[in-house]
Structure formats: C-alpha cells, structure tokens
C-alpha cells in the first residue's frame, strides 16, 4: 500500500499548487491597485478555485492517512 501514500502526496501537492496560484493571483491584484469593485471581481473568481484546491488537498491527505493505516 505504499503506492497509496505516494498517490495521496501527489494529489495533495496538486492542491497545494492550486492554493499557491490563488495566493499569487490575489496578491498581484492587490499590488495592481485595482478599485474595490475590480478587486471584488477577482476575489469572486478566485474563491471557487481556492475552495476546490483546498478540497483536493484534503482528499490527498486522507489518501495518505489511509495508506499509512493499511501499511
């Protein structure tokens, strides 16, 4: 079941990449000096991506825990 740990770690890293993308996108929007409405639009676009990336990371960590438990 060692492969399950590696698959879970890869899925978690994929989710972490999504979270880092969201951080980068919001950070650059803040630095661009956008108006409040434009910044809110960027945040509206980022929130679903952020939520999905967090969910993928959690699933990956669950797979890692299951792999450790079955090992």
C-alpha atoms as a PDB file:
ATOM      1  CA  UNK A   1       0.000   0.000   0.000  1.00  0.00           C
ATOM      2  CA  UNK A   2       2.994   2.276  -0.258  1.00  0.00           C
ATOM      3  CA  UNK A   3       1.763   3.445  -3.668  1.00  0.00           C
ATOM      4  CA  UNK A   4      -1.338   4.845  -1.976  1.00  0.00           C
ATOM      5  CA  UNK A   5       0.831   7.140   0.126  1.00  0.00           C
ATOM      6  CA  UNK A   6       2.652   8.451  -2.960  1.00  0.00           C
ATOM      7  CA  UNK A   7      -0.584   8.984  -4.877  1.00  0.00           C
ATOM      8  CA  UNK A   8      -2.058  10.873  -1.941  1.00  0.00           C
ATOM      9  CA  UNK A   9       1.061  13.005  -1.633  1.00  0.00           C
ATOM     10  CA  UNK A  10       0.903  13.860  -5.346  1.00  0.00           C
ATOM     11  CA  UNK A  11      -2.773  14.815  -5.073  1.00  0.00           C
ATOM     12  CA  UNK A  12      -2.014  16.966  -2.024  1.00  0.00           C
ATOM     13  CA  UNK A  13       0.808  18.718  -3.873  1.00  0.00           C
ATOM     14  CA  UNK A  14      -1.541  19.376  -6.787  1.00  0.00           C
ATOM     15  CA  UNK A  15      -3.998  21.005  -4.380  1.00  0.00           C
ATOM     16  CA  UNK A  16      -1.201  22.984  -2.779  1.00  0.00           C
ATOM     17  CA  UNK A  17      -0.241  24.274  -6.210  1.00  0.00           C
ATOM     18  CA  UNK A  18      -3.809  25.484  -6.669  1.00  0.00           C
ATOM     19  CA  UNK A  19      -3.691  27.268  -3.335  1.00  0.00           C
ATOM     20  CA  UNK A  20      -0.404  28.941  -4.255  1.00  0.00           C
ATOM     21  CA  UNK A  21      -1.944  30.025  -7.573  1.00  0.00           C
ATOM     22  CA  UNK A  22      -4.818  31.670  -5.701  1.00  0.00           C
ATOM     23  CA  UNK A  23      -2.436  33.462  -3.357  1.00  0.00           C
ATOM     24  CA  UNK A  24      -0.370  34.726  -6.296  1.00  0.00           C
ATOM     25  CA  UNK A  25      -3.423  35.918  -8.201  1.00  0.00           C
ATOM     26  CA  UNK A  26      -4.897  37.859  -5.271  1.00  0.00           C
ATOM     27  CA  UNK A  27      -1.509  39.247  -4.291  1.00  0.00           C
ATOM     28  CA  UNK A  28      -0.897  40.572  -7.788  1.00  0.00           C
ATOM     29  CA  UNK A  29      -4.418  42.034  -7.907  1.00  0.00           C
ATOM     30  CA  UNK A  30      -3.772  43.875  -4.644  1.00  0.00           C
ATOM     31  CA  UNK A  31      -0.448  45.203  -5.896  1.00  0.00           C
ATOM     32  CA  UNK A  32      -2.051  46.375  -9.151  1.00  0.00           C
ATOM     33  CA  UNK A  33      -4.019  48.947  -7.190  1.00  0.00           C
ATOM     34  CA  UNK A  34      -7.413  47.919  -8.504  1.00  0.00           C
ATOM     35  CA  UNK A  35     -10.569  49.608  -7.351  1.00  0.00           C
ATOM     36  CA  UNK A  36     -12.743  47.891  -4.768  1.00  0.00           C
ATOM     37  CA  UNK A  37     -15.185  46.582  -7.354  1.00  0.00           C
ATOM     38  CA  UNK A  38     -12.425  45.193  -9.561  1.00  0.00           C
ATOM     39  CA  UNK A  39     -10.745  43.557  -6.570  1.00  0.00           C
ATOM     40  CA  UNK A  40     -14.057  42.011  -5.538  1.00  0.00           C
ATOM     41  CA  UNK A  41     -14.448  40.587  -9.050  1.00  0.00           C
ATOM     42  CA  UNK A  42     -11.012  38.998  -8.811  1.00  0.00           C
ATOM     43  CA  UNK A  43     -11.887  37.546  -5.421  1.00  0.00           C
ATOM     44  CA  UNK A  44     -15.171  36.166  -6.769  1.00  0.00           C
ATOM     45  CA  UNK A  45     -13.207  34.349  -9.463  1.00  0.00           C
ATOM     46  CA  UNK A  46     -10.593  33.014  -7.038  1.00  0.00           C
ATOM     47  CA  UNK A  47     -12.872  31.725  -4.255  1.00  0.00           C
ATOM     48  CA  UNK A  48     -14.183  28.646  -6.160  1.00  0.00           C
ATOM     49  CA  UNK A  49     -10.648  27.749  -7.281  1.00  0.00           C
ATOM     50  CA  UNK A  50      -9.412  28.169  -3.727  1.00  0.00           C
ATOM     51  CA  UNK A  51     -12.197  26.002  -2.325  1.00  0.00           C
ATOM     52  CA  UNK A  52     -11.587  23.286  -4.911  1.00  0.00           C
ATOM     53  CA  UNK A  53      -7.842  23.307  -4.296  1.00  0.00           C
ATOM     54  CA  UNK A  54      -8.395  23.013  -0.555  1.00  0.00           C
ATOM     55  CA  UNK A  55     -10.774  20.092  -1.119  1.00  0.00           C
ATOM     56  CA  UNK A  56      -8.241  18.337  -3.353  1.00  0.00           C
ATOM     57  CA  UNK A  57      -5.519  18.837  -0.742  1.00  0.00           C
ATOM     58  CA  UNK A  58      -7.737  17.382   1.962  1.00  0.00           C
ATOM     59  CA  UNK A  59      -8.584  14.378  -0.206  1.00  0.00           C
ATOM     60  CA  UNK A  60      -4.895  13.788  -0.854  1.00  0.00           C
ATOM     61  CA  UNK A  61      -4.094  13.924   2.836  1.00  0.00           C
ATOM     62  CA  UNK A  62      -6.934  11.489   3.551  1.00  0.00           C
ATOM     63  CA  UNK A  63      -5.474   9.071   0.999  1.00  0.00           C
ATOM     64  CA  UNK A  64      -2.063   9.398   2.678  1.00  0.00           C
ATOM     65  CA  UNK A  65      -3.588   8.585   6.082  1.00  0.00           C
ATOM     66  CA  UNK A  66      -5.441   5.603   4.632  1.00  0.00           C
ATOM     67  CA  UNK A  67      -2.221   4.400   3.001  1.00  0.00           C
ATOM     68  CA  UNK A  68      -0.370   4.683   6.294  1.00  0.00           C
ATOM     69  CA  UNK A  69      -3.153   2.875   8.149  1.00  0.00           C
ATOM     70  CA  UNK A  70      -3.127  -0.029   5.668  1.00  0.00           C
ATOM     71  CA  UNK A  71       0.662  -0.345   5.649  1.00  0.00           C
END
